[in-house]
């Protein structure tokens, strides 16, 4: 059987926590932040945990896990 490739975007954007959840950065925080209010910027400052429904799809793109 040939080896399966990991999607290169997944290994750049996600990290696996010890409990098996996926951490990701929040989108929309690079530029044009003047149009967002301060609450949005403050609440999206750190990484978030991916939802359970999306986790299954992302784990399928990384067949051998994320380090």
N, C-alpha and C. Protein backbone atom coordinates (compact mmCIF):
# COMPACT_ATOMS: atom_id res chain seq x y z
N UNK A 1 0.83 -1.19 0.00
CA UNK A 1 0.00 0.00 0.00
C UNK A 1 0.87 1.25 0.00
N UNK A 2 0.57 2.22 -0.84
CA UNK A 2 1.33 3.47 -0.80
C UNK A 2 0.96 4.29 0.44
N UNK A 3 1.88 5.13 0.83
CA UNK A 3 1.63 6.00 1.97
C UNK A 3 0.65 7.09 1.58
N UNK A 4 -0.11 7.56 2.56
CA UNK A 4 -1.06 8.66 2.34
C UNK A 4 -0.37 9.97 2.68
N UNK A 5 -0.67 11.00 1.91
CA UNK A 5 -0.09 12.30 2.16
C UNK A 5 -0.98 13.11 3.10
N UNK A 6 -0.35 13.90 3.95
CA UNK A 6 -1.05 14.86 4.80
C UNK A 6 -1.24 16.14 4.00
N UNK A 7 -2.43 16.73 4.09
CA UNK A 7 -2.66 18.02 3.44
C UNK A 7 -1.73 19.06 4.07
N UNK A 8 -0.99 19.77 3.24
CA UNK A 8 0.02 20.68 3.77
C UNK A 8 -0.61 21.86 4.52
N UNK A 9 -1.84 22.24 4.14
CA UNK A 9 -2.50 23.31 4.87
C UNK A 9 -2.89 22.91 6.27
N UNK A 10 -3.18 21.64 6.48
CA UNK A 10 -3.59 21.16 7.80
C UNK A 10 -2.41 21.17 8.76
N UNK A 11 -1.25 20.73 8.31
CA UNK A 11 -0.11 20.69 9.22
C UNK A 11 0.39 22.08 9.58
N UNK A 12 0.07 23.08 8.75
CA UNK A 12 0.45 24.46 9.08
C UNK A 12 -0.53 25.12 10.05
N UNK A 13 -1.80 24.74 9.99
CA UNK A 13 -2.84 25.51 10.66
C UNK A 13 -3.40 24.90 11.92
N UNK A 14 -3.14 23.63 12.20
CA UNK A 14 -3.77 22.95 13.33
C UNK A 14 -2.73 22.28 14.20
N UNK A 15 -3.02 22.21 15.50
CA UNK A 15 -2.21 21.46 16.46
C UNK A 15 -3.15 20.56 17.25
N UNK A 16 -2.67 19.38 17.61
CA UNK A 16 -3.46 18.43 18.36
C UNK A 16 -3.18 18.61 19.85
N UNK A 17 -4.23 18.71 20.66
CA UNK A 17 -4.05 18.83 22.10
C UNK A 17 -3.88 17.44 22.69
N UNK A 18 -3.55 17.38 23.98
CA UNK A 18 -3.32 16.09 24.65
C UNK A 18 -4.59 15.26 24.72
N UNK A 19 -5.74 15.92 24.77
CA UNK A 19 -7.00 15.19 24.86
C UNK A 19 -7.59 14.86 23.48
N UNK A 20 -6.86 15.17 22.40
CA UNK A 20 -7.31 14.80 21.07
C UNK A 20 -8.11 15.86 20.35
N UNK A 21 -8.25 17.05 20.94
CA UNK A 21 -8.95 18.15 20.28
C UNK A 21 -7.98 18.88 19.36
N UNK A 22 -8.52 19.70 18.49
CA UNK A 22 -7.68 20.44 17.55
C UNK A 22 -7.72 21.93 17.86
N UNK A 23 -6.55 22.54 18.00
CA UNK A 23 -6.44 23.98 18.19
C UNK A 23 -6.22 24.63 16.84
N UNK A 24 -6.76 25.84 16.69
CA UNK A 24 -6.55 26.60 15.46
C UNK A 24 -6.56 28.08 15.76
N UNK A 25 -5.92 28.85 14.90
CA UNK A 25 -5.95 30.29 15.02
C UNK A 25 -7.25 30.83 14.45
N UNK A 26 -7.61 32.03 14.87
CA UNK A 26 -8.87 32.63 14.44
C UNK A 26 -8.64 33.40 13.14
N UNK A 27 -9.55 33.25 12.20
CA UNK A 27 -9.45 33.95 10.93
C UNK A 27 -9.87 35.42 11.08
N UNK A 28 -9.39 36.25 10.19
CA UNK A 28 -9.80 37.65 10.17
C UNK A 28 -9.07 38.54 11.14
N UNK A 29 -7.82 38.19 11.51
CA UNK A 29 -7.09 38.99 12.47
C UNK A 29 -5.79 39.55 11.91
N UNK A 30 -5.65 39.61 10.59
CA UNK A 30 -4.38 40.03 10.00
C UNK A 30 -4.34 41.53 9.68
N UNK A 31 -5.39 42.02 9.07
CA UNK A 31 -5.40 43.43 8.65
C UNK A 31 -6.84 43.91 8.64
N UNK A 32 -7.01 45.21 8.44
CA UNK A 32 -8.32 45.88 8.44
C UNK A 32 -9.07 45.64 9.74
N UNK A 33 -8.37 45.78 10.86
CA UNK A 33 -8.99 45.57 12.16
C UNK A 33 -9.76 46.80 12.64
N UNK A 34 -9.63 47.92 11.94
CA UNK A 34 -10.38 49.11 12.35
C UNK A 34 -11.88 48.89 12.16
N UNK A 35 -12.24 48.00 11.23
CA UNK A 35 -13.66 47.77 10.99
C UNK A 35 -14.28 46.83 12.01
N UNK A 36 -13.44 46.13 12.82
CA UNK A 36 -13.95 45.28 13.88
C UNK A 36 -13.98 46.05 15.19
N UNK A 37 -14.95 45.74 16.03
CA UNK A 37 -14.98 46.42 17.32
C UNK A 37 -13.99 45.76 18.28
N UNK A 38 -13.75 46.43 19.41
CA UNK A 38 -12.72 45.98 20.35
C UNK A 38 -13.07 44.64 20.97
N UNK A 39 -14.36 44.36 21.15
CA UNK A 39 -14.77 43.08 21.73
C UNK A 39 -14.39 41.91 20.83
N UNK A 40 -14.57 42.08 19.53
CA UNK A 40 -14.21 41.03 18.57
C UNK A 40 -12.71 40.75 18.61
N UNK A 41 -11.92 41.81 18.61
CA UNK A 41 -10.47 41.66 18.62
C UNK A 41 -10.01 41.01 19.92
N UNK A 42 -10.58 41.39 21.02
CA UNK A 42 -10.20 40.85 22.33
C UNK A 42 -10.57 39.38 22.47
N UNK A 43 -11.78 39.02 22.03
CA UNK A 43 -12.24 37.64 22.20
C UNK A 43 -11.53 36.67 21.26
N UNK A 44 -11.03 37.16 20.14
CA UNK A 44 -10.35 36.29 19.19
C UNK A 44 -8.83 36.41 19.26
N UNK A 45 -8.33 36.78 20.41
CA UNK A 45 -6.90 37.03 20.56
C UNK A 45 -6.10 35.73 20.54
N UNK A 46 -6.59 34.71 21.20
CA UNK A 46 -5.84 33.47 21.33
C UNK A 46 -6.38 32.40 20.38
N UNK A 47 -5.82 31.20 20.50
CA UNK A 47 -6.28 30.08 19.67
C UNK A 47 -7.61 29.56 20.20
N UNK A 48 -8.34 28.90 19.34
CA UNK A 48 -9.63 28.31 19.68
C UNK A 48 -9.56 26.81 19.47
N UNK A 49 -10.54 26.10 20.01
CA UNK A 49 -10.66 24.66 19.81
C UNK A 49 -11.69 24.44 18.71
N UNK A 50 -11.34 23.58 17.76
CA UNK A 50 -12.21 23.31 16.63
C UNK A 50 -13.45 22.54 17.08
N UNK A 51 -14.57 22.78 16.42
CA UNK A 51 -15.81 22.10 16.80
C UNK A 51 -15.70 20.61 16.49
N UNK A 52 -16.55 19.84 17.15
CA UNK A 52 -16.50 18.38 17.01
C UNK A 52 -16.83 17.94 15.59
N UNK A 53 -17.73 18.63 14.94
CA UNK A 53 -18.12 18.26 13.58
C UNK A 53 -16.98 18.48 12.59
N UNK A 54 -16.22 19.55 12.78
CA UNK A 54 -15.12 19.84 11.86
C UNK A 54 -13.87 19.02 12.17
N UNK A 55 -13.76 18.54 13.40
CA UNK A 55 -12.58 17.79 13.80
C UNK A 55 -12.43 16.51 12.99
N UNK A 56 -13.53 15.82 12.72
CA UNK A 56 -13.47 14.57 11.97
C UNK A 56 -12.93 14.79 10.56
N UNK A 57 -13.34 15.87 9.93
CA UNK A 57 -12.87 16.16 8.58
C UNK A 57 -11.38 16.50 8.57
N UNK A 58 -10.93 17.28 9.53
CA UNK A 58 -9.53 17.69 9.58
C UNK A 58 -8.63 16.49 9.90
N UNK A 59 -9.09 15.62 10.80
CA UNK A 59 -8.29 14.44 11.12
C UNK A 59 -8.17 13.49 9.94
N UNK A 60 -9.16 13.49 9.06
CA UNK A 60 -9.09 12.66 7.85
C UNK A 60 -8.02 13.20 6.89
N UNK A 61 -7.75 14.50 6.94
CA UNK A 61 -6.74 15.10 6.08
C UNK A 61 -5.33 14.88 6.62
N UNK A 62 -5.23 14.43 7.88
CA UNK A 62 -3.94 14.12 8.48
C UNK A 62 -3.97 12.66 8.92
N UNK A 63 -3.75 11.72 8.00
CA UNK A 63 -3.98 10.31 8.30
C UNK A 63 -3.06 9.73 9.37
N UNK A 64 -1.89 10.31 9.58
CA UNK A 64 -0.96 9.78 10.58
C UNK A 64 -0.85 10.68 11.79
N UNK A 65 -1.79 11.58 11.96
CA UNK A 65 -1.81 12.46 13.11
C UNK A 65 -1.00 13.73 12.89
N UNK A 66 -1.11 14.65 13.83
CA UNK A 66 -0.38 15.92 13.78
C UNK A 66 0.59 15.94 14.93
N UNK A 67 1.81 16.36 14.67
CA UNK A 67 2.79 16.43 15.75
C UNK A 67 2.92 17.84 16.28
